[in-house]
C-alpha atoms as a PDB file:
ATOM      1  CA  UNK A   1      -3.605 -36.430   3.210  1.00  0.00           C
ATOM      2  CA  UNK A   2      -0.340 -35.250   4.762  1.00  0.00           C
ATOM      3  CA  UNK A   3       0.083 -32.766   1.919  1.00  0.00           C
ATOM      4  CA  UNK A   4      -3.374 -31.202   2.635  1.00  0.00           C
ATOM      5  CA  UNK A   5      -2.661 -31.104   6.354  1.00  0.00           C
ATOM      6  CA  UNK A   6       0.606 -29.219   5.744  1.00  0.00           C
ATOM      7  CA  UNK A   7      -1.123 -26.859   3.284  1.00  0.00           C
ATOM      8  CA  UNK A   8      -3.897 -26.045   5.763  1.00  0.00           C
ATOM      9  CA  UNK A   9      -1.659 -25.753   8.831  1.00  0.00           C
ATOM     10  CA  UNK A  10      -1.033 -21.968   8.434  1.00  0.00           C
ATOM     11  CA  UNK A  11      -4.786 -21.274   8.147  1.00  0.00           C
ATOM     12  CA  UNK A  12      -5.521 -23.394  11.216  1.00  0.00           C
ATOM     13  CA  UNK A  13      -2.806 -21.640  13.189  1.00  0.00           C
ATOM     14  CA  UNK A  14      -4.435 -18.300  12.473  1.00  0.00           C
ATOM     15  CA  UNK A  15      -7.766 -19.531  13.831  1.00  0.00           C
ATOM     16  CA  UNK A  16      -9.526 -19.072  10.501  1.00  0.00           C
ATOM     17  CA  UNK A  17     -12.559 -20.816   9.168  1.00  0.00           C
ATOM     18  CA  UNK A  18     -12.224 -23.348   6.377  1.00  0.00           C
ATOM     19  CA  UNK A  19     -15.170 -23.902   4.040  1.00  0.00           C
ATOM     20  CA  UNK A  20     -14.919 -26.761   1.623  1.00  0.00           C
ATOM     21  CA  UNK A  21     -17.166 -27.972  -1.169  1.00  0.00           C
ATOM     22  CA  UNK A  22     -18.643 -31.421  -0.787  1.00  0.00           C
ATOM     23  CA  UNK A  23     -19.734 -31.508  -4.438  1.00  0.00           C
ATOM     24  CA  UNK A  24     -23.311 -30.635  -3.641  1.00  0.00           C
ATOM     25  CA  UNK A  25     -23.773 -33.212  -0.890  1.00  0.00           C
ATOM     26  CA  UNK A  26     -24.301 -32.519   2.753  1.00  0.00           C
ATOM     27  CA  UNK A  27     -21.508 -34.060   4.767  1.00  0.00           C
ATOM     28  CA  UNK A  28     -24.123 -35.576   7.056  1.00  0.00           C
ATOM     29  CA  UNK A  29     -26.339 -36.937   4.253  1.00  0.00           C
ATOM     30  CA  UNK A  30     -25.794 -39.887   2.015  1.00  0.00           C
ATOM     31  CA  UNK A  31     -27.716 -38.384  -0.901  1.00  0.00           C
ATOM     32  CA  UNK A  32     -27.950 -34.960  -2.480  1.00  0.00           C
ATOM     33  CA  UNK A  33     -30.609 -32.770  -0.824  1.00  0.00           C
ATOM     34  CA  UNK A  34     -30.685 -34.949   2.308  1.00  0.00           C
ATOM     35  CA  UNK A  35     -33.659 -35.111   4.624  1.00  0.00           C
ATOM     36  CA  UNK A  36     -32.647 -32.446   7.158  1.00  0.00           C
ATOM     37  CA  UNK A  37     -32.118 -28.707   6.825  1.00  0.00           C
ATOM     38  CA  UNK A  38     -32.145 -26.637   3.667  1.00  0.00           C
ATOM     39  CA  UNK A  39     -29.262 -27.114   1.254  1.00  0.00           C
ATOM     40  CA  UNK A  40     -27.824 -25.128  -1.558  1.00  0.00           C
ATOM     41  CA  UNK A  41     -25.734 -26.512  -4.384  1.00  0.00           C
ATOM     42  CA  UNK A  42     -22.488 -25.949  -2.480  1.00  0.00           C
ATOM     43  CA  UNK A  43     -23.259 -28.386   0.291  1.00  0.00           C
ATOM     44  CA  UNK A  44     -23.452 -25.662   2.925  1.00  0.00           C
ATOM     45  CA  UNK A  45     -26.376 -26.132   5.271  1.00  0.00           C
ATOM     46  CA  UNK A  46     -28.697 -23.139   5.449  1.00  0.00           C
ATOM     47  CA  UNK A  47     -29.551 -22.501   9.056  1.00  0.00           C
ATOM     48  CA  UNK A  48     -31.454 -19.285   8.547  1.00  0.00           C
ATOM     49  CA  UNK A  49     -28.269 -17.216   8.008  1.00  0.00           C
ATOM     50  CA  UNK A  50     -27.738 -18.506   4.504  1.00  0.00           C
ATOM     51  CA  UNK A  51     -24.305 -18.284   2.994  1.00  0.00           C
ATOM     52  CA  UNK A  52     -24.389 -16.873  -0.522  1.00  0.00           C
ATOM     53  CA  UNK A  53     -21.123 -17.677  -2.235  1.00  0.00           C
ATOM     54  CA  UNK A  54     -22.270 -16.724  -5.730  1.00  0.00           C
ATOM     55  CA  UNK A  55     -20.333 -13.439  -5.543  1.00  0.00           C
ATOM     56  CA  UNK A  56     -16.976 -15.241  -5.312  1.00  0.00           C
ATOM     57  CA  UNK A  57     -15.265 -15.365  -8.659  1.00  0.00           C
ATOM     58  CA  UNK A  58     -12.037 -17.187  -9.378  1.00  0.00           C
ATOM     59  CA  UNK A  59      -9.761 -14.613 -11.007  1.00  0.00           C
ATOM     60  CA  UNK A  60      -6.698 -16.791 -11.091  1.00  0.00           C
ATOM     61  CA  UNK A  61      -5.113 -14.978  -8.154  1.00  0.00           C
ATOM     62  CA  UNK A  62      -5.710 -11.519  -9.586  1.00  0.00           C
ATOM     63  CA  UNK A  63      -7.115  -8.812  -7.339  1.00  0.00           C
ATOM     64  CA  UNK A  64      -9.976  -6.820  -8.818  1.00  0.00           C
ATOM     65  CA  UNK A  65      -9.463  -3.226  -7.710  1.00  0.00           C
ATOM     66  CA  UNK A  66     -11.775  -1.576 -10.229  1.00  0.00           C
ATOM     67  CA  UNK A  67     -14.030  -0.378  -7.446  1.00  0.00           C
ATOM     68  CA  UNK A  68     -11.220   1.171  -5.357  1.00  0.00           C
ATOM     69  CA  UNK A  69     -10.558   4.842  -4.884  1.00  0.00           C
ATOM     70  CA  UNK A  70      -8.834   6.101  -8.061  1.00  0.00           C
ATOM     71  CA  UNK A  71      -6.478   8.262  -6.016  1.00  0.00           C
ATOM     72  CA  UNK A  72      -5.012   5.071  -4.530  1.00  0.00           C
ATOM     73  CA  UNK A  73      -3.262   4.586  -7.872  1.00  0.00           C
ATOM     74  CA  UNK A  74      -1.996   8.174  -7.987  1.00  0.00           C
ATOM     75  CA  UNK A  75       1.490   8.661  -9.406  1.00  0.00           C
ATOM     76  CA  UNK A  76       3.746  11.245  -7.778  1.00  0.00           C
ATOM     77  CA  UNK A  77       6.531  13.244  -9.343  1.00  0.00           C
ATOM     78  CA  UNK A  78       9.316  15.178  -7.553  1.00  0.00           C
ATOM     79  CA  UNK A  79      11.239  18.022  -9.213  1.00  0.00           C
ATOM     80  CA  UNK A  80      14.176  18.234  -8.867  1.00  0.00           C
ATOM     81  CA  UNK A  81      14.634  14.541  -8.244  1.00  0.00           C
ATOM     82  CA  UNK A  82      18.399  14.760  -7.666  1.00  0.00           C
ATOM     83  CA  UNK A  83      20.108  16.399  -4.702  1.00  0.00           C
ATOM     84  CA  UNK A  84      23.618  16.672  -3.330  1.00  0.00           C
ATOM     85  CA  UNK A  85      24.641  15.763   0.194  1.00  0.00           C
ATOM     86  CA  UNK A  86      25.055  18.870   2.331  1.00  0.00           C
ATOM     87  CA  UNK A  87      22.388  20.941   0.563  1.00  0.00           C
ATOM     88  CA  UNK A  88      18.990  22.374   1.362  1.00  0.00           C
ATOM     89  CA  UNK A  89      16.583  23.132  -1.470  1.00  0.00           C
ATOM     90  CA  UNK A  90      12.933  23.472  -2.459  1.00  0.00           C
ATOM     91  CA  UNK A  91      11.328  20.655  -4.437  1.00  0.00           C
ATOM     92  CA  UNK A  92       7.933  20.476  -6.117  1.00  0.00           C
ATOM     93  CA  UNK A  93       5.787  17.388  -5.501  1.00  0.00           C
ATOM     94  CA  UNK A  94       3.072  16.926  -8.116  1.00  0.00           C
ATOM     95  CA  UNK A  95       0.527  14.288  -9.042  1.00  0.00           C
ATOM     96  CA  UNK A  96      -0.921  12.870 -12.244  1.00  0.00           C
ATOM     97  CA  UNK A  97      -4.343  13.787 -10.809  1.00  0.00           C
ATOM     98  CA  UNK A  98      -4.994  17.481 -11.272  1.00  0.00           C
ATOM     99  CA  UNK A  99      -7.833  17.476  -8.728  1.00  0.00           C
ATOM    100  CA  UNK A 100      -5.784  16.108  -5.824  1.00  0.00           C
ATOM    101  CA  UNK A 101      -6.236  18.284  -2.711  1.00  0.00           C
ATOM    102  CA  UNK A 102      -2.708  18.962  -1.420  1.00  0.00           C
ATOM    103  CA  UNK A 103      -4.111  20.551   1.753  1.00  0.00           C
ATOM    104  CA  UNK A 104      -5.017  17.020   2.929  1.00  0.00           C
ATOM    105  CA  UNK A 105      -1.339  16.017   3.200  1.00  0.00           C
ATOM    106  CA  UNK A 106      -0.578  15.463   6.872  1.00  0.00           C
ATOM    107  CA  UNK A 107       2.920  13.929   6.660  1.00  0.00           C
ATOM    108  CA  UNK A 108       5.742  13.632   4.141  1.00  0.00           C
ATOM    109  CA  UNK A 109       8.629  11.300   4.939  1.00  0.00           C
ATOM    110  CA  UNK A 110      11.696  10.242   3.049  1.00  0.00           C
ATOM    111  CA  UNK A 111      13.518   6.980   3.696  1.00  0.00           C
ATOM    112  CA  UNK A 112      17.174   7.270   2.817  1.00  0.00           C
ATOM    113  CA  UNK A 113      18.733  10.266   4.559  1.00  0.00           C
ATOM    114  CA  UNK A 114      16.510  13.156   3.434  1.00  0.00           C
ATOM    115  CA  UNK A 115      14.851  15.494   5.923  1.00  0.00           C
ATOM    116  CA  UNK A 116      11.637  17.393   5.240  1.00  0.00           C
ATOM    117  CA  UNK A 117      12.072  20.810   6.875  1.00  0.00           C
ATOM    118  CA  UNK A 118       8.792  22.333   5.692  1.00  0.00           C
ATOM    119  CA  UNK A 119       5.889  21.650   3.358  1.00  0.00           C
ATOM    120  CA  UNK A 120       3.459  24.120   1.830  1.00  0.00           C
ATOM    121  CA  UNK A 121       0.341  22.992  -0.061  1.00  0.00           C
ATOM    122  CA  UNK A 122      -0.435  24.870  -3.255  1.00  0.00           C
ATOM    123  CA  UNK A 123      -3.415  24.317  -5.576  1.00  0.00           C
ATOM    124  CA  UNK A 124      -1.451  22.102  -8.004  1.00  0.00           C
ATOM    125  CA  UNK A 125       1.553  20.928  -5.971  1.00  0.00           C
ATOM    126  CA  UNK A 126       3.171  20.549  -2.584  1.00  0.00           C
ATOM    127  CA  UNK A 127       6.281  22.637  -2.053  1.00  0.00           C
ATOM    128  CA  UNK A 128       8.879  20.816   0.077  1.00  0.00           C
ATOM    129  CA  UNK A 129      11.936  22.316   1.709  1.00  0.00           C
ATOM    130  CA  UNK A 130      14.357  19.397   1.843  1.00  0.00           C
ATOM    131  CA  UNK A 131      17.692  18.978   3.569  1.00  0.00           C
ATOM    132  CA  UNK A 132      20.184  16.329   2.635  1.00  0.00           C
ATOM    133  CA  UNK A 133      22.729  16.067   5.461  1.00  0.00           C
ATOM    134  CA  UNK A 134      26.380  16.187   4.443  1.00  0.00           C
ATOM    135  CA  UNK A 135      26.906  12.666   5.774  1.00  0.00           C
ATOM    136  CA  UNK A 136      24.018  11.209   3.727  1.00  0.00           C
ATOM    137  CA  UNK A 137      24.980   8.172   1.710  1.00  0.00           C
ATOM    138  CA  UNK A 138      24.799   8.383  -2.068  1.00  0.00           C
ATOM    139  CA  UNK A 139      21.848   6.433  -3.456  1.00  0.00           C
ATOM    140  CA  UNK A 140      18.107   6.858  -3.623  1.00  0.00           C
ATOM    141  CA  UNK A 141      15.452   7.847  -1.102  1.00  0.00           C
ATOM    142  CA  UNK A 142      11.865   6.608  -1.119  1.00  0.00           C
ATOM    143  CA  UNK A 143       8.959   8.955  -0.360  1.00  0.00           C
ATOM    144  CA  UNK A 144       5.811   8.332   1.682  1.00  0.00           C
ATOM    145  CA  UNK A 145       2.941  10.850   1.660  1.00  0.00           C
ATOM    146  CA  UNK A 146       0.111  10.440   4.211  1.00  0.00           C
ATOM    147  CA  UNK A 147      -3.169  12.345   4.157  1.00  0.00           C
ATOM    148  CA  UNK A 148      -5.501  13.383   6.957  1.00  0.00           C
ATOM    149  CA  UNK A 149      -8.272  11.181   5.499  1.00  0.00           C
ATOM    150  CA  UNK A 150      -6.175   8.029   6.032  1.00  0.00           C
ATOM    151  CA  UNK A 151      -4.676   7.484   2.598  1.00  0.00           C
ATOM    152  CA  UNK A 152      -0.998   6.987   1.866  1.00  0.00           C
ATOM    153  CA  UNK A 153       1.018   7.202  -1.321  1.00  0.00           C
ATOM    154  CA  UNK A 154       4.459   5.701  -1.850  1.00  0.00           C
ATOM    155  CA  UNK A 155       7.061   6.687  -4.430  1.00  0.00           C
ATOM    156  CA  UNK A 156      10.048   4.411  -4.768  1.00  0.00           C
ATOM    157  CA  UNK A 157      13.393   6.074  -5.602  1.00  0.00           C
ATOM    158  CA  UNK A 158      11.822   9.538  -5.461  1.00  0.00           C
ATOM    159  CA  UNK A 159      15.138  11.354  -4.939  1.00  0.00           C
ATOM    160  CA  UNK A 160      18.658  10.452  -5.972  1.00  0.00           C
ATOM    161  CA  UNK A 161      21.296  11.568  -3.474  1.00  0.00           C
ATOM    162  CA  UNK A 162      24.731  12.437  -4.854  1.00  0.00           C
ATOM    163  CA  UNK A 163      27.833  12.647  -2.702  1.00  0.00           C
ATOM    164  CA  UNK A 164      29.194  16.110  -1.994  1.00  0.00           C
ATOM    165  CA  UNK A 165      31.791  16.632  -4.775  1.00  0.00           C
ATOM    166  CA  UNK A 166      33.875  18.896  -2.574  1.00  0.00           C
ATOM    167  CA  UNK A 167      33.878  16.464   0.321  1.00  0.00           C
ATOM    168  CA  UNK A 168      33.106  19.344   2.654  1.00  0.00           C
ATOM    169  CA  UNK A 169      30.984  19.064   5.728  1.00  0.00           C
ATOM    170  CA  UNK A 170      28.087  21.325   6.658  1.00  0.00           C
ATOM    171  CA  UNK A 171      29.183  23.669   9.407  1.00  0.00           C
ATOM    172  CA  UNK A 172      25.707  25.048  10.027  1.00  0.00           C
ATOM    173  CA  UNK A 173      26.789  28.521   8.919  1.00  0.00           C
ATOM    174  CA  UNK A 174      29.807  28.652  11.263  1.00  0.00           C
ATOM    175  CA  UNK A 175      33.421  28.870   9.986  1.00  0.00           C
END
C-alpha cells in the first residue's frame, strides 16, 4: 500500500483526478451491476454525463502523433552550417517541405553566440544575415524558428562556430 501511495503522491499534489478500475464492480455495490445507478463495464457510475473510455488505447507508452500537423515534423537545413567567429555572412534556411510558407516566420533565434541581423523570406527558403561575434566560443549553436500561426521548429547543432584563426578582434570597421 505504501508503494501505491508514493506512486500516486505526485498526481495528488497536482490536484488531478484519479480514475481506477474496480474490475466491473461498483465500489458501492457488492455485486456486478448493483441496484443503484447505471453502470458500464469499467465500474464507473453513469450519472447522465457518461464517461466513455473506449477511445483510450494502451500503446505501451508510445505517443500516437499520426493526426498531428505534418509541418510539426519538418526538418530544417542551414547552408553554410559552419561559420567563423568575427564574421558576418548570409545563410540559406531551407525545409524538407517544399510548400512551407516562409513568410509566416516571425522569429529566428540562435542559442550559442550567433546573432540574426536580418531575415528575408523567399518562396523556397529564408535568407538570414548572421553575425558571429569575435568573442563567440567555438562549438555549435541551436536554432529556433517561430511562426506567426503559433508553430515552432527546433534544429539542434544548426551552426558550427569555429574560432577566429587569426585571433583578431572585430573593430567594427575602425582601425
